[in-house]
C-alpha cells in the first residue's frame, strides 16, 4: 500500500477513536478529492490504487456517519464538518461519486453508492433536500434498456436513502421528504418496472434473464421500501400503485428463466405486500396508521388478490419451485437429512399469499354485497395438493388440518396469521353451506388448528400469555376470533362431527396405541369416500366418524383447563395493573369457557 493509503488508514483509525489528524481540514479535503478524481479519470486503475480508493470511500462514509450520530467531541466535530463542507460544496464531490457508480470495479461502485446514500440521508434530515445530481443520474439510468452495475448501484442507493428516511424521527417530515424525493423519480421507476418485469417475465424468451438476477433482487428491495413508505406514511405515487395493480408480473417470475433465489425473493415481496408487512424488518411506525389516508389501497390490494386467484386457477401453483432441501446459512446442509427437508420459506410464502388473497376477496364480496360467491374449498384443495406434492403431508396418519403446524411450525407470526385467516375462510364457506362435516378434507377446521396449536405448546397457558403480551404476532386478534367462534359453536370442538383421536395426548404411549387399535377397527367407514378425498386425508374416517369418547374427554379437558388457567392469570395481572392493555373483552370470552365445560361434563 502506498503512502496515500497509509495516510487514509491512519486518519480512519483516529476518527474511530474520536480524534482529528494533524493536517488541516483543507489539506485532508484536497487529498480525498484528488484520490476520487484520479479514480474517476482512470479507465483501468491499478490494484494498489483501487485499494486506496476503497479506503478513501470508507473514510468519507465514516466521517458522515460520525457527524450524523453526533458522537465526536466538539473540536473534532468542527474539523470534520469543515472537511465535509469543502468536499461537497467547494470540490463538487457528489458529482465525482455519482460518476463512480459506473466504475467497472463493483466494490468501488458499491462504496460510492454507500457514500452517496449516507450524505443524502444526512442532507434530507438537516435541510429537507436531496442531491439533484444523484436523482437525475438515477432517473437516467432507470430509463436505459440494458442492465448494468451502475443500475444495481443506483437501485441500492435509492433503496438505502428511502430506508434512512423511514427510520428518521420526524413523522410529518417523513411524508414531505418522501414525496419530494419520489416526485422526480416516479416516471423512471415505473419505466424500469415495465422494462425489467412486465415484459420479460411474461415473455421469458425475449431476453436472457439469468444475468439479471442481482438487478431484479435490488429492484425487489426497492419495491419493498416503496410499499413500506405507502403503508406506514401514506405516501402514494403512481409507481407505488404499480406494485399492486401490476403484481401479475411478480407472479410470472415463477415461470421466468431466473435463478431460484430470485423467484423466492419475488414471492416474499408478494407475501409482505398482502400481509402489509413491508419494511417490518427495519422500518419504524405502524402500517395501519397510514392506510386510512390512502383511499386507493383497498382497491389495489383487491387487484393483487384477484391476480393471485386468477393465476392459481390457471395452474400457477404447479409452476412454483420448491427445493427439496431446506436452505442453510453458508449453503451447507446435513446429507443425512436428504429427502426429509424442504424449503419451508417458499411453502409458507405460497400458503399465506393464497390465504390472504382469499381473505381480501371475501371481505370485498361482503362489503359490496356481491351475489357472486367464491368456493374456498377449491382453492384450499389446490393448496393441499401443492403441499402434498412437496412432501409436507407425508404421513399416512397425518390429520389434514395439521398442515398449518407442519408448514408454519418454525415461524410463530406466520402460523398465527394463517390460523386467524382460516377462521374467516371457514365462516365464509360455512355461510354458503349448512353442513361443514367435510371441513377437515380441505384442512380448514379452526377447532383442529387451535387444538394442534395448544398441543404443540404442551397446553401451557404461560406460553399463551407470552403470545398475548407480545406484539410480534397477531395472537390477541386470533384468540378473540377463535373464542367468539367457540362461543357460538361448542359442538365443533366437542361433538362427534369432528372427532380427533390423532390429536390426543402423545405424551401417553398407552393412549396412542389404544387409539391406533380403535382406528384400525373402523376402516369400513371410509369406503363411502371418493378417491380424491381419501388421498387428501388418509385418516378422514378417524377424524369424523370414530367414536372416541375416552380420547376426546382427555383432549377436551386439556383445552378447557388451559383456557381457564389463562383466564386466571390474565385476571390476576389485570387486577394488579400489570397487564399491558385492557383485557376486558378477552376476559369476557374466557369467562364463558368454564360454564361450557361444566355443561358438557
Foldseek 3Di string as FASTA:
>chain_A
DDPLLVVLVVQQVQVVVQHGDPDALVVVLVSLLVLLVVQLPDQDDDPVSVSSLLSSLVSLLSLLVCLLVVPHPPVSNVRSVSNVCCNVPVSVVLLSLLSQCQRPPLSSNQSSLSSQQSVQLSCCVPPVDGDPSLLVSLLVQLQDLDDDSSVLSSLQSVLSNLLSLLADDDLVSSLVSVLVSCVSRVVSLQNSCCSLFVPCLVVQVPDPCQVCLSVLLSNLSSLLSLLLCCLFRVNDDPNVLCCQLVVLSLLSNLVHPYDLVSNLSSLVSLLCNLVVNRCVVRGDGDSNVNPVVHPCSLVSSLSNLVSLVVCVVVVSLVSHDKDLADADVVRDDDPVCRNVHIHLSSLLSNLSSNLSSVLSVVVVCVVVVDPDDDQPLVSLLSSLVSCVVSPQPPDLQDQLLCSLCSSCVPPVQSSLVSLQSLLVVVVSNCVVDVDCLCVSLSNRQSLVSVLVVCVVVVLALVVVVVVVQDPSHPSVSSLLSVLVVCVVCVCSLQPLSFACQVSFNPVDVVSVVVLVVQQVVPVVVCVVDDPSSCVSHVSSCSGGPGDDVVRSVRSVVSNLVSLLVNLVVVVVCVVVVNRPDDCVSVNVSSVVSVVVVVVVD
